[in-house]
Amino acid sequence: MDGQASANRRAPARPAALRLASVCSAVLVAGLVAACGGGSDPVPPPVRLTVTSPADQAVVRDARVDLAGTVRPSGTRVTVAGRKATVTGGTFRASVALSPGTNVIDVLASAGRARPALVALRVRREVSVRVPDLTGVSVDEARARLGDLGLDAKVEDGGGLLDRLLPGDPRVCATDPAAGERVDLGESVRVLAARRC
């Protein structure tokens, strides 16, 4: 009976082992199905992002630019230049500081499992300065003062043949554009110089 008793004791162990194997198989299959995207939740449509203002390659003079646009679906998060934008009713707004020259502004919209959307926008900030009054200063000083403002001096001889015979160094007689006018950084200013204006 000892053989029969030990056989009876082992018999319940087989159904428990089969149940454990069945549970492990079910968990494994469910994990594989979920990992492969075969879950019951369908993948949502991709995020739709449109920047309405400013246009790509816009040229502005201000130190900041206000961005605006639309985004779908509702509940989408938008970041502009790495900062969270204000999103209300499918529209977003953000203000971005600009450096002189061309700025690339990234706009990223994401919503849960939906494929995110990204737009890279180029905005050029033109910076203008006033041409200083250089009348009567030396040519070297005129070059230095214009250079300090980010302008290029194009010096031209404003005197005639007899001017070269006069003593002393040439001085600035006039500029083009004239003193007080605004020009963009990097532009050239024509400097007319002579010993006698």
C-alpha atoms as a PDB file:
ATOM      1  CA  MET A   1       0.000   0.000   0.000  1.00  0.00           C
ATOM      2  CA  ASP A   2       2.910   2.174   0.439  1.00  0.00           C
ATOM      3  CA  GLY A   3       3.416   2.175  -3.372  1.00  0.00           C
ATOM      4  CA  GLN A   4      -0.256   2.929  -3.918  1.00  0.00           C
ATOM      5  CA  ALA A   5      -0.273   5.694  -1.283  1.00  0.00           C
ATOM      6  CA  SER A   6       2.765   7.377  -2.814  1.00  0.00           C
ATOM      7  CA  ALA A   7       1.161   7.153  -6.297  1.00  0.00           C
ATOM      8  CA  ASN A   8      -1.985   8.798  -4.928  1.00  0.00           C
ATOM      9  CA  ARG A   9       0.055  11.559  -3.397  1.00  0.00           C
ATOM     10  CA  ARG A  10       1.801  12.343  -6.752  1.00  0.00           C
ATOM     11  CA  ALA A  11      -1.375  12.374  -8.825  1.00  0.00           C
ATOM     12  CA  PRO A  12      -2.645  15.815  -7.683  1.00  0.00           C
ATOM     13  CA  ALA A  13       0.781  17.350  -8.488  1.00  0.00           C
ATOM     14  CA  ARG A  14       0.283  16.856 -12.269  1.00  0.00           C
ATOM     15  CA  PRO A  15      -2.839  19.020 -12.626  1.00  0.00           C
ATOM     16  CA  ALA A  16      -1.158  21.821 -10.578  1.00  0.00           C
ATOM     17  CA  ALA A  17       1.901  21.683 -12.856  1.00  0.00           C
ATOM     18  CA  LEU A  18      -0.358  21.807 -15.920  1.00  0.00           C
ATOM     19  CA  ARG A  19      -2.265  24.750 -14.497  1.00  0.00           C
ATOM     20  CA  LEU A  20       0.994  26.598 -13.756  1.00  0.00           C
ATOM     21  CA  ALA A  21       2.237  25.896 -17.281  1.00  0.00           C
ATOM     22  CA  SER A  22      -1.079  27.124 -18.741  1.00  0.00           C
ATOM     23  CA  VAL A  23      -0.962  30.349 -16.715  1.00  0.00           C
ATOM     24  CA  CYS A  24       2.670  30.992 -17.712  1.00  0.00           C
ATOM     25  CA  SER A  25       1.845  30.377 -21.375  1.00  0.00           C
ATOM     26  CA  ALA A  26      -1.134  32.740 -21.235  1.00  0.00           C
ATOM     27  CA  VAL A  27       0.970  35.477 -19.579  1.00  0.00           C
ATOM     28  CA  LEU A  28       3.731  34.971 -22.155  1.00  0.00           C
ATOM     29  CA  VAL A  29       1.305  35.146 -25.103  1.00  0.00           C
ATOM     30  CA  ALA A  30      -0.417  38.243 -23.688  1.00  0.00           C
ATOM     31  CA  GLY A  31       2.962  39.930 -23.196  1.00  0.00           C
ATOM     32  CA  LEU A  32       4.024  39.144 -26.761  1.00  0.00           C
ATOM     33  CA  VAL A  33       0.743  40.376 -28.208  1.00  0.00           C
ATOM     34  CA  ALA A  34       0.942  43.641 -26.226  1.00  0.00           C
ATOM     35  CA  ALA A  35       4.613  44.163 -27.135  1.00  0.00           C
ATOM     36  CA  CYS A  36       3.890  43.670 -30.820  1.00  0.00           C
ATOM     37  CA  GLY A  37       1.064  46.173 -30.816  1.00  0.00           C
ATOM     38  CA  GLY A  38      -1.638  43.562 -30.947  1.00  0.00           C
ATOM     39  CA  GLY A  39      -3.476  44.944 -27.932  1.00  0.00           C
ATOM     40  CA  SER A  40      -7.115  45.830 -28.012  1.00  0.00           C
ATOM     41  CA  ASP A  41      -6.450  49.616 -28.166  1.00  0.00           C
ATOM     42  CA  PRO A  42      -5.974  50.862 -31.727  1.00  0.00           C
ATOM     43  CA  VAL A  43      -3.061  53.236 -32.373  1.00  0.00           C
ATOM     44  CA  PRO A  44      -4.400  56.810 -32.470  1.00  0.00           C
ATOM     45  CA  PRO A  45      -3.905  58.928 -35.605  1.00  0.00           C
ATOM     46  CA  PRO A  46      -0.757  61.081 -35.755  1.00  0.00           C
ATOM     47  CA  VAL A  47      -0.707  64.558 -34.242  1.00  0.00           C
ATOM     48  CA  ARG A  48      -1.527  67.370 -36.694  1.00  0.00           C
ATOM     49  CA  LEU A  49       0.524  70.557 -36.219  1.00  0.00           C
ATOM     50  CA  THR A  50       0.268  73.787 -38.216  1.00  0.00           C
ATOM     51  CA  VAL A  51       2.200  76.981 -37.468  1.00  0.00           C
ATOM     52  CA  THR A  52       0.080  79.913 -38.653  1.00  0.00           C
ATOM     53  CA  SER A  53       2.340  82.767 -37.579  1.00  0.00           C
ATOM     54  CA  PRO A  54       5.047  83.747 -38.405  1.00  0.00           C
ATOM     55  CA  ALA A  55       5.791  82.228 -41.798  1.00  0.00           C
ATOM     56  CA  ASP A  56       8.933  80.169 -42.316  1.00  0.00           C
ATOM     57  CA  GLN A  57      11.871  82.440 -43.243  1.00  0.00           C
ATOM     58  CA  ALA A  58      10.111  85.510 -41.850  1.00  0.00           C
ATOM     59  CA  VAL A  59      12.214  88.625 -41.301  1.00  0.00           C
ATOM     60  CA  VAL A  60      11.541  90.651 -38.152  1.00  0.00           C
ATOM     61  CA  ARG A  61      13.211  93.523 -36.332  1.00  0.00           C
ATOM     62  CA  ASP A  62      11.916  92.878 -32.806  1.00  0.00           C
ATOM     63  CA  ALA A  63      13.878  91.000 -30.138  1.00  0.00           C
ATOM     64  CA  ARG A  64      10.957  88.531 -29.691  1.00  0.00           C
ATOM     65  CA  VAL A  65       8.532  86.800 -31.999  1.00  0.00           C
ATOM     66  CA  ASP A  66       5.067  85.464 -31.129  1.00  0.00           C
ATOM     67  CA  LEU A  67       4.283  82.025 -32.554  1.00  0.00           C
ATOM     68  CA  ALA A  68       0.742  80.780 -33.060  1.00  0.00           C
ATOM     69  CA  GLY A  69      -0.784  77.707 -34.638  1.00  0.00           C
ATOM     70  CA  THR A  70      -3.255  74.856 -34.458  1.00  0.00           C
ATOM     71  CA  VAL A  71      -2.896  71.319 -33.184  1.00  0.00           C
ATOM     72  CA  ARG A  72      -5.032  68.165 -33.164  1.00  0.00           C
ATOM     73  CA  PRO A  73      -6.162  66.094 -31.214  1.00  0.00           C
ATOM     74  CA  SER A  74      -7.322  67.987 -28.178  1.00  0.00           C
ATOM     75  CA  GLY A  75      -5.090  67.488 -25.166  1.00  0.00           C
ATOM     76  CA  THR A  76      -1.941  67.734 -27.276  1.00  0.00           C
ATOM     77  CA  ARG A  77       1.133  69.144 -25.531  1.00  0.00           C
ATOM     78  CA  VAL A  78       3.199  71.674 -27.498  1.00  0.00           C
ATOM     79  CA  THR A  79       6.749  72.803 -26.804  1.00  0.00           C
ATOM     80  CA  VAL A  80       8.311  75.735 -28.642  1.00  0.00           C
ATOM     81  CA  ALA A  81      12.094  76.099 -28.483  1.00  0.00           C
ATOM     82  CA  GLY A  82      12.091  73.598 -25.610  1.00  0.00           C
ATOM     83  CA  ARG A  83       9.490  75.454 -23.516  1.00  0.00           C
ATOM     84  CA  LYS A  84       5.867  74.538 -22.893  1.00  0.00           C
ATOM     85  CA  ALA A  85       3.437  76.578 -25.002  1.00  0.00           C
ATOM     86  CA  THR A  86      -0.056  77.654 -23.995  1.00  0.00           C
ATOM     87  CA  VAL A  87      -2.627  75.373 -25.682  1.00  0.00           C
ATOM     88  CA  THR A  88      -6.326  76.288 -25.625  1.00  0.00           C
ATOM     89  CA  GLY A  89      -9.053  74.681 -27.731  1.00  0.00           C
ATOM     90  CA  GLY A  90      -6.704  73.326 -30.373  1.00  0.00           C
ATOM     91  CA  THR A  91      -4.642  76.525 -30.770  1.00  0.00           C
ATOM     92  CA  PHE A  92      -1.259  77.283 -29.250  1.00  0.00           C
ATOM     93  CA  ARG A  93       0.751  80.423 -28.546  1.00  0.00           C
ATOM     94  CA  ALA A  94       4.319  81.077 -27.447  1.00  0.00           C
ATOM     95  CA  SER A  95       6.774  83.960 -27.397  1.00  0.00           C
ATOM     96  CA  VAL A  96      10.416  83.307 -28.312  1.00  0.00           C
ATOM     97  CA  ALA A  97      13.477  85.532 -27.799  1.00  0.00           C
ATOM     98  CA  LEU A  98      15.527  86.041 -30.967  1.00  0.00           C
ATOM     99  CA  SER A  99      19.245  86.553 -31.509  1.00  0.00           C
ATOM    100  CA  PRO A 100      20.425  88.780 -34.358  1.00  0.00           C
ATOM    101  CA  GLY A 101      20.556  86.801 -37.606  1.00  0.00           C
ATOM    102  CA  THR A 102      18.758  83.569 -38.456  1.00  0.00           C
ATOM    103  CA  ASN A 103      17.084  81.650 -35.610  1.00  0.00           C
ATOM    104  CA  VAL A 104      15.781  78.071 -35.943  1.00  0.00           C
ATOM    105  CA  ILE A 105      12.754  77.472 -33.719  1.00  0.00           C
ATOM    106  CA  ASP A 106      11.609  73.883 -33.117  1.00  0.00           C
ATOM    107  CA  VAL A 107       7.904  73.277 -32.442  1.00  0.00           C
ATOM    108  CA  LEU A 108       7.038  69.796 -31.109  1.00  0.00           C
ATOM    109  CA  ALA A 109       3.504  68.502 -30.515  1.00  0.00           C
ATOM    110  CA  SER A 110       2.799  65.196 -28.756  1.00  0.00           C
ATOM    111  CA  ALA A 111      -0.288  63.395 -27.493  1.00  0.00           C
ATOM    112  CA  GLY A 112       0.064  60.070 -25.692  1.00  0.00           C
ATOM    113  CA  ARG A 113       0.701  57.146 -28.055  1.00  0.00           C
ATOM    114  CA  ALA A 114       0.020  59.166 -31.216  1.00  0.00           C
ATOM    115  CA  ARG A 115       2.981  59.831 -33.507  1.00  0.00           C
ATOM    116  CA  PRO A 116       4.295  63.324 -32.589  1.00  0.00           C
ATOM    117  CA  ALA A 117       4.700  66.182 -35.075  1.00  0.00           C
ATOM    118  CA  LEU A 118       7.733  68.470 -35.423  1.00  0.00           C
ATOM    119  CA  VAL A 119       8.151  71.724 -37.350  1.00  0.00           C
ATOM    120  CA  ALA A 120      11.428  73.674 -37.635  1.00  0.00           C
ATOM    121  CA  LEU A 121      10.789  77.328 -38.374  1.00  0.00           C
ATOM    122  CA  ARG A 122      13.454  79.835 -39.483  1.00  0.00           C
ATOM    123  CA  VAL A 123      13.042  83.458 -38.396  1.00  0.00           C
ATOM    124  CA  ARG A 124      15.626  86.106 -39.257  1.00  0.00           C
ATOM    125  CA  ARG A 125      16.050  89.020 -36.905  1.00  0.00           C
ATOM    126  CA  GLU A 126      17.434  92.108 -38.581  1.00  0.00           C
ATOM    127  CA  VAL A 127      19.015  94.581 -36.266  1.00  0.00           C
ATOM    128  CA  SER A 128      19.455  98.145 -37.430  1.00  0.00           C
ATOM    129  CA  VAL A 129      21.562 100.940 -36.004  1.00  0.00           C
ATOM    130  CA  ARG A 130      21.759 104.683 -36.609  1.00  0.00           C
ATOM    131  CA  VAL A 131      24.693 105.997 -38.613  1.00  0.00           C
ATOM    132  CA  PRO A 132      26.652 108.283 -36.269  1.00  0.00           C
ATOM    133  CA  ASP A 133      27.685 111.828 -37.174  1.00  0.00           C
ATOM    134  CA  LEU A 134      31.293 111.386 -38.272  1.00  0.00           C
ATOM    135  CA  THR A 135      31.800 114.814 -39.833  1.00  0.00           C
ATOM    136  CA  GLY A 136      35.299 116.125 -39.093  1.00  0.00           C
ATOM    137  CA  VAL A 137      36.730 112.938 -37.512  1.00  0.00           C
ATOM    138  CA  SER A 138      39.776 111.114 -38.901  1.00  0.00           C
ATOM    139  CA  VAL A 139      39.314 108.223 -41.307  1.00  0.00           C
ATOM    140  CA  ASP A 140      40.734 105.778 -38.732  1.00  0.00           C
ATOM    141  CA  GLU A 141      38.292 106.992 -36.076  1.00  0.00           C
ATOM    142  CA  ALA A 142      35.395 106.734 -38.537  1.00  0.00           C
ATOM    143  CA  ARG A 143      36.359 103.115 -39.335  1.00  0.00           C
ATOM    144  CA  ALA A 144      36.612 102.289 -35.626  1.00  0.00           C
ATOM    145  CA  ARG A 145      33.265 103.884 -34.691  1.00  0.00           C
ATOM    146  CA  LEU A 146      31.421 102.207 -37.580  1.00  0.00           C
ATOM    147  CA  GLY A 147      33.098  98.874 -36.767  1.00  0.00           C
ATOM    148  CA  ASP A 148      31.965  99.127 -33.135  1.00  0.00           C
ATOM    149  CA  LEU A 149      28.386  99.408 -34.416  1.00  0.00           C
ATOM    150  CA  GLY A 150      28.771  96.350 -36.676  1.00  0.00           C
ATOM    151  CA  LEU A 151      29.023  98.406 -39.861  1.00  0.00           C
ATOM    152  CA  ASP A 152      31.631  98.353 -42.620  1.00  0.00           C
ATOM    153  CA  ALA A 153      33.319 101.624 -43.697  1.00  0.00           C
ATOM    154  CA  LYS A 154      33.955 102.096 -47.423  1.00  0.00           C
ATOM    155  CA  VAL A 155      36.270 105.109 -47.565  1.00  0.00           C
ATOM    156  CA  GLU A 156      36.337 107.170 -50.763  1.00  0.00           C
ATOM    157  CA  ASP A 157      38.494 110.141 -51.617  1.00  0.00           C
ATOM    158  CA  GLY A 158      36.165 113.141 -51.599  1.00  0.00           C
ATOM    159  CA  GLY A 159      38.775 115.702 -52.570  1.00  0.00           C
ATOM    160  CA  GLY A 160      40.094 116.507 -55.997  1.00  0.00           C
ATOM    161  CA  LEU A 161      43.631 116.484 -57.328  1.00  0.00           C
ATOM    162  CA  LEU A 162      44.543 119.646 -55.438  1.00  0.00           C
ATOM    163  CA  ASP A 163      43.270 118.188 -52.138  1.00  0.00           C
ATOM    164  CA  ARG A 164      46.226 115.785 -52.124  1.00  0.00           C
ATOM    165  CA  LEU A 165      48.612 118.726 -52.128  1.00  0.00           C
ATOM    166  CA  LEU A 166      47.142 120.230 -48.952  1.00  0.00           C
ATOM    167  CA  PRO A 167      48.806 119.540 -45.592  1.00  0.00           C
ATOM    168  CA  GLY A 168      47.237 117.332 -42.911  1.00  0.00           C
ATOM    169  CA  ASP A 169      45.304 114.088 -42.854  1.00  0.00           C
ATOM    170  CA  PRO A 170      41.957 113.606 -44.559  1.00  0.00           C
ATOM    171  CA  ARG A 171      38.822 114.085 -42.423  1.00  0.00           C
ATOM    172  CA  VAL A 172      35.282 112.813 -42.948  1.00  0.00           C
ATOM    173  CA  CYS A 173      33.204 115.248 -45.003  1.00  0.00           C
ATOM    174  CA  ALA A 174      30.013 113.181 -45.313  1.00  0.00           C
ATOM    175  CA  THR A 175      28.560 109.673 -45.104  1.00  0.00           C
ATOM    176  CA  ASP A 176      26.067 107.817 -47.247  1.00  0.00           C
ATOM    177  CA  PRO A 177      23.625 106.967 -45.675  1.00  0.00           C
ATOM    178  CA  ALA A 178      23.678 110.249 -43.799  1.00  0.00           C
ATOM    179  CA  ALA A 179      24.101 110.615 -40.047  1.00  0.00           C
ATOM    180  CA  GLY A 180      20.963 109.578 -38.159  1.00  0.00           C
ATOM    181  CA  GLU A 181      19.653 107.164 -40.810  1.00  0.00           C
ATOM    182  CA  ARG A 182      19.092 103.520 -39.830  1.00  0.00           C
ATOM    183  CA  VAL A 183      20.979 100.661 -41.516  1.00  0.00           C
ATOM    184  CA  ASP A 184      21.135  96.917 -40.864  1.00  0.00           C
ATOM    185  CA  LEU A 185      24.087  95.357 -39.071  1.00  0.00           C
ATOM    186  CA  GLY A 186      26.843  94.328 -41.453  1.00  0.00           C
ATOM    187  CA  GLU A 187      25.961  96.870 -44.124  1.00  0.00           C
ATOM    188  CA  SER A 188      28.473  99.259 -45.638  1.00  0.00           C
ATOM    189  CA  VAL A 189      28.543 103.004 -45.057  1.00  0.00           C
ATOM    190  CA  ARG A 190      30.228 105.129 -47.720  1.00  0.00           C
ATOM    191  CA  VAL A 191      32.618 107.580 -46.071  1.00  0.00           C
ATOM    192  CA  LEU A 192      33.737 110.599 -48.142  1.00  0.00           C
ATOM    193  CA  ALA A 193      37.024 111.970 -46.819  1.00  0.00           C
ATOM    194  CA  ALA A 194      39.187 114.958 -47.829  1.00  0.00           C
ATOM    195  CA  ARG A 195      41.711 117.355 -46.318  1.00  0.00           C
ATOM    196  CA  ARG A 196      39.332 120.215 -46.978  1.00  0.00           C
ATOM    197  CA  CYS A 197      35.565 119.553 -47.242  1.00  0.00           C
END
